[in-house]
Structure formats: C-alpha cells, structure tokens
Amino acid sequence: MISPFLTAPERQGYQQVPATLSETDLCLHFHLTATDGNRLGCAVQLGLVRLMGYLLEDWFEQVPPPVAALFGQQLGIAPDALATYGERAATRSEHL
C-alpha cells in the first residue's frame, strides 16, 4: 500500500492561511519594501506571475515598458525607478 506524501495535518497546513502569526513571521513576510524601485519591482513580479503562472529567472531584463508605466502610474512611481530594483544582492531572490 502506498502511504500519503503528507499527513492530514501537514496537508491542512498548506491549505489554510495561519490564523495567528508570530512577530517574526509578520516582519519577514509582510513588511512592505521602502524604496520606489523595490515597490515597483514587486508589483511587476506579481503581474508577471498572474500573466504567466510563474516567474522567469531573468524577468527583470524583459519587462515591457508599458508594464512598468502602468504599475508606476498606479503606485505614483516613475517607471524608470524599476532600474534601481534589487540593488541589494538578495532582494531579487527574497521577494519570491
């Protein structure tokens, strides 16, 4: 007999948003980034994931100008701020 990959409680943990979160989890996963470039970069990532279902490794080099312009308009950020996205080495990998 084949045993399930996850136990019922483990599976439930992946099917529900936790009702309570630690202060560490709140800071680590829900802290909004401060710079305009990073805010714009996060928005573009979300849009690309919604469009494609995944995020290309080199997405940053492929952002169509109208995408950056539309998100920039919605966020009140100049589209060229995207050029500063990920100045900190780990930013691009930590956002997703």
C-alpha atoms as a PDB file:
ATOM      1  CA  MET A   1       0.000   0.000   0.000  1.00  0.00           C
ATOM      2  CA  ILE A   2       1.275   3.460  -0.881  1.00  0.00           C
ATOM      3  CA  SER A   3       1.469   5.869   2.031  1.00  0.00           C
ATOM      4  CA  PRO A   4       0.460   9.500   1.504  1.00  0.00           C
ATOM      5  CA  PHE A   5       3.204  12.031   0.963  1.00  0.00           C
ATOM      6  CA  LEU A   6       1.847  14.353   3.676  1.00  0.00           C
ATOM      7  CA  THR A   7      -0.119  13.565   6.787  1.00  0.00           C
ATOM      8  CA  ALA A   8      -3.594  15.102   7.093  1.00  0.00           C
ATOM      9  CA  PRO A   9      -2.376  17.854   9.488  1.00  0.00           C
ATOM     10  CA  GLU A  10       0.582  18.648   7.210  1.00  0.00           C
ATOM     11  CA  ARG A  11      -1.707  18.847   4.177  1.00  0.00           C
ATOM     12  CA  GLN A  12      -4.115  21.125   6.064  1.00  0.00           C
ATOM     13  CA  GLY A  13      -1.186  23.422   6.890  1.00  0.00           C
ATOM     14  CA  TYR A  14      -0.707  24.043   3.160  1.00  0.00           C
ATOM     15  CA  GLN A  15      -4.422  24.634   2.520  1.00  0.00           C
ATOM     16  CA  GLN A  16      -5.085  27.381   5.060  1.00  0.00           C
ATOM     17  CA  VAL A  17      -3.618  30.750   5.893  1.00  0.00           C
ATOM     18  CA  PRO A  18      -2.453  30.615   9.532  1.00  0.00           C
ATOM     19  CA  ALA A  19      -4.919  32.284  11.887  1.00  0.00           C
ATOM     20  CA  THR A  20      -2.105  33.681  14.009  1.00  0.00           C
ATOM     21  CA  LEU A  21       1.391  34.765  13.029  1.00  0.00           C
ATOM     22  CA  SER A  22       4.454  35.458  15.111  1.00  0.00           C
ATOM     23  CA  GLU A  23       6.026  38.900  15.118  1.00  0.00           C
ATOM     24  CA  THR A  24       8.955  37.395  13.213  1.00  0.00           C
ATOM     25  CA  ASP A  25       6.660  35.999  10.501  1.00  0.00           C
ATOM     26  CA  LEU A  26       4.869  39.340  10.204  1.00  0.00           C
ATOM     27  CA  CYS A  27       8.125  41.234   9.768  1.00  0.00           C
ATOM     28  CA  LEU A  28       9.701  38.661   7.473  1.00  0.00           C
ATOM     29  CA  HIS A  29       6.789  38.031   5.103  1.00  0.00           C
ATOM     30  CA  PHE A  30       4.534  41.098   5.264  1.00  0.00           C
ATOM     31  CA  HIS A  31       6.859  44.073   5.560  1.00  0.00           C
ATOM     32  CA  LEU A  32       6.397  46.449   2.636  1.00  0.00           C
ATOM     33  CA  THR A  33       9.623  47.421   0.975  1.00  0.00           C
ATOM     34  CA  ALA A  34      10.603  51.061   1.312  1.00  0.00           C
ATOM     35  CA  THR A  35      12.213  52.093  -1.966  1.00  0.00           C
ATOM     36  CA  ASP A  36      10.226  53.022  -5.063  1.00  0.00           C
ATOM     37  CA  GLY A  37      12.256  50.675  -7.233  1.00  0.00           C
ATOM     38  CA  ASN A  38      11.567  47.713  -4.962  1.00  0.00           C
ATOM     39  CA  ARG A  39       7.861  48.522  -4.681  1.00  0.00           C
ATOM     40  CA  LEU A  40       7.623  48.741  -8.462  1.00  0.00           C
ATOM     41  CA  GLY A  41       9.637  45.534  -8.871  1.00  0.00           C
ATOM     42  CA  CYS A  42       7.307  43.629  -6.531  1.00  0.00           C
ATOM     43  CA  ALA A  43       4.266  44.873  -8.430  1.00  0.00           C
ATOM     44  CA  VAL A  44       5.771  43.807 -11.762  1.00  0.00           C
ATOM     45  CA  GLN A  45       6.608  40.370 -10.329  1.00  0.00           C
ATOM     46  CA  LEU A  46       3.015  39.879  -9.194  1.00  0.00           C
ATOM     47  CA  GLY A  47       1.690  40.933 -12.585  1.00  0.00           C
ATOM     48  CA  LEU A  48       4.039  38.586 -14.427  1.00  0.00           C
ATOM     49  CA  VAL A  49       3.108  35.659 -12.177  1.00  0.00           C
ATOM     50  CA  ARG A  50      -0.588  36.393 -12.778  1.00  0.00           C
ATOM     51  CA  LEU A  51       0.035  36.552 -16.540  1.00  0.00           C
ATOM     52  CA  MET A  52       2.344  33.570 -16.951  1.00  0.00           C
ATOM     53  CA  GLY A  53       1.761  31.425 -13.864  1.00  0.00           C
ATOM     54  CA  TYR A  54       5.455  31.547 -12.945  1.00  0.00           C
ATOM     55  CA  LEU A  55       8.334  33.998 -12.915  1.00  0.00           C
ATOM     56  CA  LEU A  56      11.218  33.758 -15.348  1.00  0.00           C
ATOM     57  CA  GLU A  57      14.677  33.871 -13.816  1.00  0.00           C
ATOM     58  CA  ASP A  58      15.638  36.848 -15.972  1.00  0.00           C
ATOM     59  CA  TRP A  59      12.248  38.599 -15.761  1.00  0.00           C
ATOM     60  CA  PHE A  60      13.938  41.844 -14.787  1.00  0.00           C
ATOM     61  CA  GLU A  61      15.558  42.179 -18.215  1.00  0.00           C
ATOM     62  CA  GLN A  62      12.264  41.503 -20.045  1.00  0.00           C
ATOM     63  CA  VAL A  63       9.787  43.986 -18.541  1.00  0.00           C
ATOM     64  CA  PRO A  64       7.886  45.692 -21.375  1.00  0.00           C
ATOM     65  CA  PRO A  65       7.894  49.486 -20.907  1.00  0.00           C
ATOM     66  CA  PRO A  66       4.065  49.677 -20.865  1.00  0.00           C
ATOM     67  CA  VAL A  67       4.025  47.293 -17.868  1.00  0.00           C
ATOM     68  CA  ALA A  68       6.417  49.460 -15.847  1.00  0.00           C
ATOM     69  CA  ALA A  69       4.490  52.569 -16.918  1.00  0.00           C
ATOM     70  CA  LEU A  70       1.089  51.204 -15.860  1.00  0.00           C
ATOM     71  CA  PHE A  71       2.304  49.970 -12.475  1.00  0.00           C
ATOM     72  CA  GLY A  72       4.241  53.189 -11.985  1.00  0.00           C
ATOM     73  CA  GLN A  73       1.102  55.213 -12.659  1.00  0.00           C
ATOM     74  CA  GLN A  74      -0.940  53.118 -10.215  1.00  0.00           C
ATOM     75  CA  LEU A  75       1.691  53.419  -7.478  1.00  0.00           C
ATOM     76  CA  GLY A  76       2.665  57.031  -8.160  1.00  0.00           C
ATOM     77  CA  ILE A  77       6.225  55.972  -9.012  1.00  0.00           C
ATOM     78  CA  ALA A  78       8.271  56.944 -12.076  1.00  0.00           C
ATOM     79  CA  PRO A  79       8.672  53.850 -14.296  1.00  0.00           C
ATOM     80  CA  ASP A  80      12.427  54.396 -14.514  1.00  0.00           C
ATOM     81  CA  ALA A  81      12.613  53.642 -10.761  1.00  0.00           C
ATOM     82  CA  LEU A  82      12.492  49.985 -11.803  1.00  0.00           C
ATOM     83  CA  ALA A  83      16.154  50.323 -12.792  1.00  0.00           C
ATOM     84  CA  THR A  84      17.011  50.516  -9.069  1.00  0.00           C
ATOM     85  CA  TYR A  85      15.137  47.307  -8.216  1.00  0.00           C
ATOM     86  CA  GLY A  86      17.281  44.739  -6.486  1.00  0.00           C
ATOM     87  CA  GLU A  87      20.278  46.931  -5.691  1.00  0.00           C
ATOM     88  CA  ARG A  88      20.771  44.841  -2.576  1.00  0.00           C
ATOM     89  CA  ALA A  89      22.147  41.481  -3.695  1.00  0.00           C
ATOM     90  CA  ALA A  90      19.497  39.276  -2.054  1.00  0.00           C
ATOM     91  CA  THR A  91      16.412  41.355  -2.922  1.00  0.00           C
ATOM     92  CA  ARG A  92      15.553  39.594  -6.176  1.00  0.00           C
ATOM     93  CA  SER A  93      15.614  36.150  -4.621  1.00  0.00           C
ATOM     94  CA  GLU A  94      13.952  37.124  -1.337  1.00  0.00           C
ATOM     95  CA  HIS A  95      10.877  38.737  -2.890  1.00  0.00           C
ATOM     96  CA  LEU A  96       9.749  35.437  -4.333  1.00  0.00           C
END
